[in-house]
């Protein structure tokens, strides 16, 4: 049983090693491709649509499809996006922002 737990822990560390920490920033020299056109499904009560975006996957951009996320009253969703600064492309994670 101890060996199985050890293997599980090792696999968890390896599996999460490529995921940036929550506060880590991603800056790359390769611009993301243009956003893909997505067909947004009909509205769902209590949810907001988070559009798809390009995620950096080590050596290339990978498309992440849009999805429904649970609404937060008093907030609006700021989608994931890339910003060019200092000749590089900086990834901004999707996040909730308080309405004014």
N, C-alpha and C. Protein backbone atom coordinates (compact mmCIF):
# COMPACT_ATOMS: atom_id res chain seq x y z
N UNK A 1 0.82 -1.19 0.00
CA UNK A 1 0.00 0.00 0.00
C UNK A 1 0.87 1.26 0.00
N UNK A 2 1.98 1.25 0.75
CA UNK A 2 2.86 2.42 0.80
C UNK A 2 3.46 2.69 -0.58
N UNK A 3 3.83 1.63 -1.30
CA UNK A 3 4.40 1.79 -2.63
C UNK A 3 3.38 2.44 -3.57
N UNK A 4 2.14 2.02 -3.48
CA UNK A 4 1.08 2.60 -4.32
C UNK A 4 0.91 4.08 -4.01
N UNK A 5 0.94 4.47 -2.73
CA UNK A 5 0.84 5.87 -2.35
C UNK A 5 2.03 6.67 -2.87
N UNK A 6 3.22 6.09 -2.82
CA UNK A 6 4.41 6.76 -3.32
C UNK A 6 4.29 7.00 -4.82
N UNK A 7 3.86 5.99 -5.56
CA UNK A 7 3.68 6.13 -7.01
C UNK A 7 2.64 7.21 -7.31
N UNK A 8 1.55 7.21 -6.57
CA UNK A 8 0.51 8.22 -6.76
C UNK A 8 1.07 9.63 -6.55
N UNK A 9 1.83 9.82 -5.48
CA UNK A 9 2.42 11.14 -5.19
C UNK A 9 3.38 11.57 -6.29
N UNK A 10 4.21 10.67 -6.76
CA UNK A 10 5.16 10.98 -7.83
C UNK A 10 4.41 11.39 -9.09
N UNK A 11 3.37 10.65 -9.44
CA UNK A 11 2.59 10.98 -10.64
C UNK A 11 1.90 12.33 -10.49
N UNK A 12 1.42 12.64 -9.31
CA UNK A 12 0.78 13.95 -9.09
C UNK A 12 1.79 15.08 -9.28
N UNK A 13 3.00 14.91 -8.77
CA UNK A 13 4.02 15.95 -8.92
C UNK A 13 4.39 16.12 -10.39
N UNK A 14 4.58 15.02 -11.09
CA UNK A 14 4.92 15.08 -12.51
C UNK A 14 3.78 15.71 -13.29
N UNK A 15 2.55 15.35 -12.98
CA UNK A 15 1.40 15.86 -13.71
C UNK A 15 1.17 17.34 -13.52
N UNK A 16 1.53 17.87 -12.37
CA UNK A 16 1.31 19.28 -12.11
C UNK A 16 2.55 20.13 -12.37
N UNK A 17 3.66 19.53 -12.68
CA UNK A 17 4.90 20.29 -12.89
C UNK A 17 4.80 21.24 -14.07
N UNK A 18 4.01 20.88 -15.08
CA UNK A 18 3.91 21.73 -16.27
C UNK A 18 2.82 22.79 -16.15
N UNK A 19 2.04 22.77 -15.07
CA UNK A 19 0.98 23.75 -14.87
C UNK A 19 1.55 24.93 -14.09
N UNK A 20 1.49 26.15 -14.65
CA UNK A 20 2.01 27.30 -13.92
C UNK A 20 1.24 27.51 -12.61
N UNK A 21 1.93 28.00 -11.60
CA UNK A 21 1.29 28.31 -10.33
C UNK A 21 0.23 29.39 -10.56
N UNK A 22 -0.72 29.47 -9.67
CA UNK A 22 -1.85 30.40 -9.85
C UNK A 22 -1.38 31.83 -10.09
N UNK A 23 -0.31 32.25 -9.44
CA UNK A 23 0.16 33.62 -9.61
C UNK A 23 1.24 33.76 -10.67
N UNK A 24 1.67 32.66 -11.26
CA UNK A 24 2.75 32.72 -12.25
C UNK A 24 2.26 33.39 -13.53
N UNK A 25 3.17 34.12 -14.17
CA UNK A 25 2.79 34.75 -15.43
C UNK A 25 3.39 33.98 -16.59
N UNK A 26 2.77 34.13 -17.74
CA UNK A 26 3.24 33.46 -18.95
C UNK A 26 3.55 34.54 -19.97
N UNK A 27 4.80 34.57 -20.42
CA UNK A 27 5.25 35.50 -21.45
C UNK A 27 5.97 34.70 -22.52
N UNK A 28 5.56 34.89 -23.78
CA UNK A 28 6.17 34.16 -24.89
C UNK A 28 6.45 35.12 -26.03
N UNK A 29 7.32 34.70 -26.94
CA UNK A 29 7.65 35.52 -28.10
C UNK A 29 6.76 35.23 -29.30
N UNK A 30 5.99 34.15 -29.23
CA UNK A 30 5.14 33.72 -30.34
C UNK A 30 3.73 34.28 -30.16
N UNK A 31 3.27 35.07 -31.13
CA UNK A 31 1.93 35.63 -31.00
C UNK A 31 0.88 34.53 -31.15
N UNK A 32 -0.23 34.65 -30.43
CA UNK A 32 -1.28 33.65 -30.59
C UNK A 32 -1.98 33.84 -31.94
N UNK A 33 -2.49 32.77 -32.51
CA UNK A 33 -3.26 32.89 -33.76
C UNK A 33 -4.54 33.70 -33.49
N UNK A 34 -5.21 34.12 -34.55
CA UNK A 34 -6.49 34.81 -34.36
C UNK A 34 -7.49 33.89 -33.63
N UNK A 35 -8.36 34.50 -32.85
CA UNK A 35 -9.36 33.71 -32.12
C UNK A 35 -10.22 32.94 -33.11
N UNK A 36 -10.61 31.76 -32.72
CA UNK A 36 -11.50 30.96 -33.56
C UNK A 36 -12.93 31.44 -33.39
N UNK A 37 -13.71 31.26 -34.43
CA UNK A 37 -15.13 31.60 -34.35
C UNK A 37 -15.84 30.45 -33.65
N UNK A 38 -16.54 30.76 -32.59
CA UNK A 38 -17.28 29.74 -31.86
C UNK A 38 -18.78 30.02 -31.95
N UNK A 39 -19.53 28.96 -32.04
CA UNK A 39 -20.98 29.08 -31.99
C UNK A 39 -21.35 29.01 -30.51
N UNK A 40 -21.84 30.13 -30.01
CA UNK A 40 -22.20 30.18 -28.59
C UNK A 40 -23.56 29.51 -28.40
N UNK A 41 -23.61 28.53 -27.50
CA UNK A 41 -24.89 27.86 -27.25
C UNK A 41 -25.92 28.84 -26.67
N UNK A 42 -27.20 28.47 -26.69
CA UNK A 42 -28.23 29.33 -26.12
C UNK A 42 -27.91 29.64 -24.65
N UNK A 43 -28.34 30.82 -24.18
CA UNK A 43 -28.06 31.21 -22.79
C UNK A 43 -28.56 30.19 -21.77
N UNK A 44 -27.84 30.11 -20.66
CA UNK A 44 -28.23 29.25 -19.54
C UNK A 44 -28.44 30.14 -18.33
N UNK A 45 -29.54 30.02 -17.69
CA UNK A 45 -29.84 30.81 -16.51
C UNK A 45 -28.81 30.53 -15.41
N UNK A 46 -28.25 31.61 -14.85
CA UNK A 46 -27.28 31.45 -13.76
C UNK A 46 -25.85 31.23 -14.23
N UNK A 47 -25.62 31.30 -15.55
CA UNK A 47 -24.28 31.07 -16.09
C UNK A 47 -23.90 32.18 -17.06
N UNK A 48 -22.60 32.38 -17.25
CA UNK A 48 -22.11 33.30 -18.27
C UNK A 48 -21.18 32.52 -19.20
N UNK A 49 -21.11 32.97 -20.44
CA UNK A 49 -20.27 32.31 -21.43
C UNK A 49 -18.84 32.83 -21.32
N UNK A 50 -17.89 31.94 -21.14
CA UNK A 50 -16.47 32.28 -21.16
C UNK A 50 -15.95 31.83 -22.52
N UNK A 51 -15.61 32.77 -23.41
CA UNK A 51 -15.20 32.40 -24.76
C UNK A 51 -13.88 31.62 -24.78
N UNK A 52 -13.68 30.90 -25.88
CA UNK A 52 -12.45 30.14 -26.05
C UNK A 52 -11.25 31.07 -26.16
N UNK A 53 -10.07 30.50 -25.97
CA UNK A 53 -8.83 31.28 -26.01
C UNK A 53 -7.65 30.37 -26.37
N UNK A 54 -6.54 30.98 -26.74
CA UNK A 54 -5.32 30.24 -27.03
C UNK A 54 -4.48 30.14 -25.76
N UNK A 55 -4.15 28.91 -25.38
CA UNK A 55 -3.31 28.63 -24.20
C UNK A 55 -1.92 28.23 -24.70
N UNK A 56 -0.88 28.68 -24.02
CA UNK A 56 0.48 28.30 -24.38
C UNK A 56 0.78 26.94 -23.77
N UNK A 57 1.24 26.02 -24.59
CA UNK A 57 1.49 24.65 -24.16
C UNK A 57 2.96 24.29 -24.37
N UNK A 58 3.86 25.05 -23.80
CA UNK A 58 5.28 24.73 -23.87
C UNK A 58 5.99 25.20 -25.12
N UNK A 59 5.51 24.82 -26.30
CA UNK A 59 6.13 25.21 -27.56
C UNK A 59 5.16 25.76 -28.59
N UNK A 60 3.88 25.71 -28.26
CA UNK A 60 2.88 26.18 -29.22
C UNK A 60 1.59 26.55 -28.52
N UNK A 61 0.74 27.25 -29.25
CA UNK A 61 -0.57 27.63 -28.72
C UNK A 61 -1.57 26.51 -28.99
N UNK A 62 -2.41 26.24 -28.01
CA UNK A 62 -3.45 25.22 -28.09
C UNK A 62 -4.79 25.91 -27.84
N UNK A 63 -5.78 25.64 -28.68
CA UNK A 63 -7.10 26.25 -28.51
C UNK A 63 -7.87 25.58 -27.38
N UNK A 64 -8.42 26.39 -26.50
CA UNK A 64 -9.28 25.92 -25.41
C UNK A 64 -10.69 26.40 -25.74
N UNK A 65 -11.63 25.49 -25.87
CA UNK A 65 -12.99 25.85 -26.26
C UNK A 65 -13.70 26.65 -25.16
N UNK A 66 -14.64 27.49 -25.60
CA UNK A 66 -15.44 28.26 -24.65
C UNK A 66 -16.26 27.33 -23.77
N UNK A 67 -16.75 27.89 -22.67
CA UNK A 67 -17.50 27.08 -21.72
C UNK A 67 -18.42 27.97 -20.89
N UNK A 68 -19.42 27.35 -20.29
CA UNK A 68 -20.30 28.05 -19.37
C UNK A 68 -19.68 28.01 -17.99
N UNK A 69 -19.70 29.15 -17.29
CA UNK A 69 -19.23 29.17 -15.90
C UNK A 69 -20.33 29.80 -15.04
N UNK A 70 -20.40 29.34 -13.81
CA UNK A 70 -21.46 29.81 -12.92
C UNK A 70 -21.30 31.30 -12.67
N UNK A 71 -22.42 32.01 -12.78
CA UNK A 71 -22.46 33.45 -12.58
C UNK A 71 -22.14 33.82 -11.14
N UNK A 72 -21.50 34.99 -10.97
CA UNK A 72 -21.25 35.52 -9.63
C UNK A 72 -21.96 36.87 -9.55
N UNK A 73 -23.02 36.95 -8.77
CA UNK A 73 -23.76 38.21 -8.65
C UNK A 73 -22.83 39.35 -8.23
N UNK A 74 -22.98 40.50 -8.92
CA UNK A 74 -22.16 41.66 -8.61
C UNK A 74 -20.81 41.68 -9.31
N UNK A 75 -20.54 40.67 -10.14
CA UNK A 75 -19.26 40.57 -10.86
C UNK A 75 -19.51 40.32 -12.34
N UNK A 76 -18.51 40.59 -13.16
CA UNK A 76 -18.57 40.20 -14.57
C UNK A 76 -17.28 39.47 -14.92
N UNK A 77 -17.35 38.62 -15.93
CA UNK A 77 -16.23 37.78 -16.33
C UNK A 77 -15.34 38.51 -17.32
N UNK A 78 -14.04 38.55 -17.01
CA UNK A 78 -13.04 39.08 -17.94
C UNK A 78 -12.35 37.86 -18.55
N UNK A 79 -12.54 37.62 -19.85
CA UNK A 79 -12.00 36.40 -20.47
C UNK A 79 -10.47 36.37 -20.53
N UNK A 80 -9.95 35.18 -20.67
CA UNK A 80 -8.52 34.99 -20.89
C UNK A 80 -8.13 35.71 -22.17
N UNK A 81 -6.96 36.34 -22.18
CA UNK A 81 -6.50 37.03 -23.39
C UNK A 81 -5.00 37.29 -23.32
N UNK A 82 -4.46 37.64 -24.47
CA UNK A 82 -3.03 37.94 -24.60
C UNK A 82 -2.83 39.44 -24.83
N UNK A 83 -1.78 39.99 -24.22
CA UNK A 83 -1.44 41.40 -24.37
C UNK A 83 0.01 41.49 -24.81
N UNK A 84 0.27 42.28 -25.85
CA UNK A 84 1.66 42.45 -26.29
C UNK A 84 2.31 43.55 -25.46
N UNK A 85 3.45 43.23 -24.87
CA UNK A 85 4.19 44.24 -24.11
C UNK A 85 5.67 43.91 -24.14
N UNK A 86 6.45 44.93 -24.38
CA UNK A 86 7.91 44.80 -24.45
C UNK A 86 8.35 43.74 -25.46
N UNK A 87 7.63 43.66 -26.59
CA UNK A 87 8.01 42.73 -27.66
C UNK A 87 7.65 41.28 -27.40
N UNK A 88 6.93 41.01 -26.32
CA UNK A 88 6.52 39.65 -25.98
C UNK A 88 5.01 39.63 -25.78
N UNK A 89 4.45 38.44 -25.69
CA UNK A 89 3.02 38.28 -25.49
C UNK A 89 2.78 37.75 -24.08
N UNK A 90 1.99 38.50 -23.33
CA UNK A 90 1.72 38.17 -21.92
C UNK A 90 0.29 37.66 -21.80
N UNK A 91 0.13 36.52 -21.14
CA UNK A 91 -1.19 35.90 -20.97
C UNK A 91 -1.86 36.43 -19.71
N UNK A 92 -3.10 36.89 -19.87
CA UNK A 92 -3.92 37.33 -18.75
C UNK A 92 -4.98 36.26 -18.51
N UNK A 93 -4.98 35.71 -17.33
CA UNK A 93 -5.94 34.66 -16.99
C UNK A 93 -7.35 35.25 -16.87
N UNK A 94 -8.35 34.42 -17.17
CA UNK A 94 -9.73 34.85 -16.98
C UNK A 94 -10.00 35.06 -15.50
N UNK A 95 -10.79 36.06 -15.20
CA UNK A 95 -11.07 36.36 -13.79
C UNK A 95 -12.36 37.15 -13.64
N UNK A 96 -12.88 37.16 -12.45
CA UNK A 96 -14.08 37.93 -12.12
C UNK A 96 -13.67 39.31 -11.67
N UNK A 97 -14.44 40.31 -12.07
CA UNK A 97 -14.19 41.69 -11.67
C UNK A 97 -15.49 42.28 -11.12
N UNK A 98 -15.36 42.99 -10.01
CA UNK A 98 -16.55 43.58 -9.36
C UNK A 98 -17.15 44.68 -10.23
N UNK A 99 -18.49 44.67 -10.34
CA UNK A 99 -19.20 45.73 -11.06
C UNK A 99 -19.17 46.99 -10.21
N UNK A 100 -19.15 48.14 -10.88
CA UNK A 100 -19.13 49.42 -10.16
C UNK A 100 -20.50 50.03 -10.11
